[in-house]
Amino acid sequence: MEIPKPSDDLKALFRSLVPDAPGVEVKPMFGNVGAFVNGNMFAGLFGPDVGVRILDHDSLAELEAIEGVGPFGPAGRPMGGYVSLPRAWQEHDHERAAEWIGAALEQTSRLPAKQPRSRKKKG
């Protein structure tokens, strides 16, 4: 599977939309970028798509009703629990994109902190 890569401009836009909040870090993932809080991803880029993790069912239904919202991740194997925001927001409505990324941060920050995986020692 070939993983699409976002442009440098989109990476910069994504970083500008992610709130500067305690526990939040943005880091590279397979040529893309993910935003994490306490080790849990709440938003990310997959090629040209900005995706968010929305845990609240009412919020998710509201978001999914918006034209341009769709699955997030590889075609045929989208990431469960994540949706992509309308691409038009990248050019015309940064505020709405930032609001949904903020909602994803708020909801995901309530999850227990993800514990780092222990590495197996090679013997």
Protein backbone atom coordinates (compact mmCIF):
# COMPACT_ATOMS: atom_id res chain seq x y z
CA MET A 1 0.00 0.00 0.00
CA GLU A 2 1.36 3.38 -1.00
CA ILE A 3 0.84 6.02 1.68
CA PRO A 4 -0.01 9.49 0.33
CA LYS A 5 2.08 12.37 1.66
CA PRO A 6 0.76 15.83 2.55
CA SER A 7 2.37 18.96 1.17
CA ASP A 8 4.65 21.03 3.39
CA ASP A 9 2.03 23.81 3.25
CA LEU A 10 -0.66 21.45 4.54
CA LYS A 11 1.65 20.24 7.33
CA ALA A 12 2.20 23.87 8.36
CA LEU A 13 -1.55 24.58 8.24
CA PHE A 14 -2.26 21.48 10.32
CA ARG A 15 0.27 22.53 12.96
CA SER A 16 -1.33 25.99 13.09
CA LEU A 17 -4.78 24.44 13.71
CA VAL A 18 -3.67 22.20 16.59
CA PRO A 19 -4.17 23.96 19.94
CA ASP A 20 -1.10 24.71 22.03
CA ALA A 21 -2.27 22.90 25.15
CA PRO A 22 -0.70 20.85 27.95
CA GLY A 23 0.13 17.29 26.91
CA VAL A 24 -0.30 18.00 23.18
CA GLU A 25 2.43 17.07 20.75
CA VAL A 26 2.56 16.93 16.98
CA LYS A 27 4.84 14.31 15.50
CA PRO A 28 5.56 12.60 12.19
CA MET A 29 3.83 9.34 11.34
CA PHE A 30 4.69 7.38 8.19
CA GLY A 31 5.37 10.56 6.19
CA ASN A 32 2.25 12.21 7.56
CA VAL A 33 1.66 14.06 10.86
CA GLY A 34 -0.38 13.23 13.95
CA ALA A 35 -1.48 15.31 16.93
CA PHE A 36 -1.49 13.50 20.26
CA VAL A 37 -2.63 14.22 23.80
CA ASN A 38 -1.31 11.99 26.56
CA GLY A 39 -0.17 9.53 23.90
CA ASN A 40 -3.58 9.24 22.19
CA MET A 41 -3.98 10.58 18.65
CA PHE A 42 -6.82 13.09 18.28
CA ALA A 43 -6.10 14.52 14.82
CA GLY A 44 -3.87 13.80 11.88
CA LEU A 45 -3.01 14.16 8.24
CA PHE A 46 -3.28 11.39 5.70
CA GLY A 47 -2.15 12.81 2.39
CA PRO A 48 -4.46 15.73 1.61
CA ASP A 49 -6.97 14.90 4.38
CA VAL A 50 -7.20 16.32 7.88
CA GLY A 51 -8.84 13.79 10.18
CA VAL A 52 -10.21 14.03 13.72
CA ARG A 53 -11.21 11.56 16.39
CA ILE A 54 -14.71 12.33 17.68
CA LEU A 55 -15.86 10.15 20.57
CA ASP A 56 -19.23 11.77 21.37
CA HIS A 57 -21.94 10.18 19.20
CA ASP A 58 -24.04 13.36 18.92
CA SER A 59 -21.00 15.41 17.87
CA LEU A 60 -20.00 12.72 15.39
CA ALA A 61 -23.49 12.67 13.85
CA GLU A 62 -23.39 16.48 13.56
CA LEU A 63 -20.01 16.37 11.86
CA GLU A 64 -20.89 13.50 9.52
CA ALA A 65 -23.94 15.47 8.29
CA ILE A 66 -21.65 18.18 6.86
CA GLU A 67 -20.96 17.98 3.14
CA GLY A 68 -17.40 16.86 2.42
CA VAL A 69 -16.88 14.85 5.62
CA GLY A 70 -15.79 11.30 4.95
CA PRO A 71 -13.67 8.38 6.07
CA PHE A 72 -10.10 9.02 7.21
CA GLY A 73 -7.17 6.84 6.26
CA PRO A 74 -6.40 4.37 3.49
CA ALA A 75 -9.11 3.63 0.95
CA GLY A 76 -10.77 0.37 1.87
CA ARG A 77 -9.28 0.45 5.40
CA PRO A 78 -10.28 3.75 7.03
CA MET A 79 -9.30 4.38 10.63
CA GLY A 80 -12.16 3.52 12.99
CA GLY A 81 -13.34 6.41 15.11
CA TYR A 82 -11.84 9.07 12.80
CA VAL A 83 -13.41 11.16 10.04
CA SER A 84 -11.84 13.53 7.55
CA LEU A 85 -12.87 17.16 7.55
CA PRO A 86 -14.04 18.80 4.30
CA ARG A 87 -11.04 19.69 2.14
CA ALA A 88 -12.68 23.05 1.37
CA TRP A 89 -12.07 24.07 5.02
CA GLN A 90 -8.31 23.92 4.38
CA GLU A 91 -8.63 26.92 2.08
CA HIS A 92 -11.79 28.69 3.16
CA ASP A 93 -12.73 27.89 6.75
CA HIS A 94 -9.74 27.34 9.02
CA GLU A 95 -11.89 28.39 12.00
CA ARG A 96 -14.31 25.47 11.59
CA ALA A 97 -11.44 23.04 11.13
CA ALA A 98 -9.77 24.40 14.28
CA GLU A 99 -13.06 24.08 16.22
CA TRP A 100 -13.40 20.39 15.33
CA ILE A 101 -9.74 19.71 16.07
CA GLY A 102 -10.29 21.41 19.44
CA ALA A 103 -13.36 19.22 20.08
CA ALA A 104 -11.32 16.13 19.21
CA LEU A 105 -8.60 17.25 21.64
CA GLU A 106 -11.11 17.88 24.43
CA GLN A 107 -12.82 14.50 23.97
CA THR A 108 -9.61 12.50 23.53
CA SER A 109 -7.95 14.17 26.51
CA ARG A 110 -10.52 12.41 28.74
CA LEU A 111 -9.15 8.99 27.74
CA PRO A 112 -6.59 7.31 29.99
CA ALA A 113 -3.01 8.15 29.07
CA LYS A 114 -1.52 5.64 26.66
CA GLN A 115 1.35 3.72 28.17
CA PRO A 116 4.49 3.36 26.05
CA ARG A 117 5.01 -0.10 24.63
CA SER A 118 7.85 -2.02 26.17
CA ARG A 119 10.48 -3.05 23.68
CA LYS A 120 11.48 -6.69 23.62
CA LYS A 121 15.14 -7.28 24.21
CA LYS A 122 16.93 -9.02 21.41
CA GLY A 123 18.69 -12.00 22.78
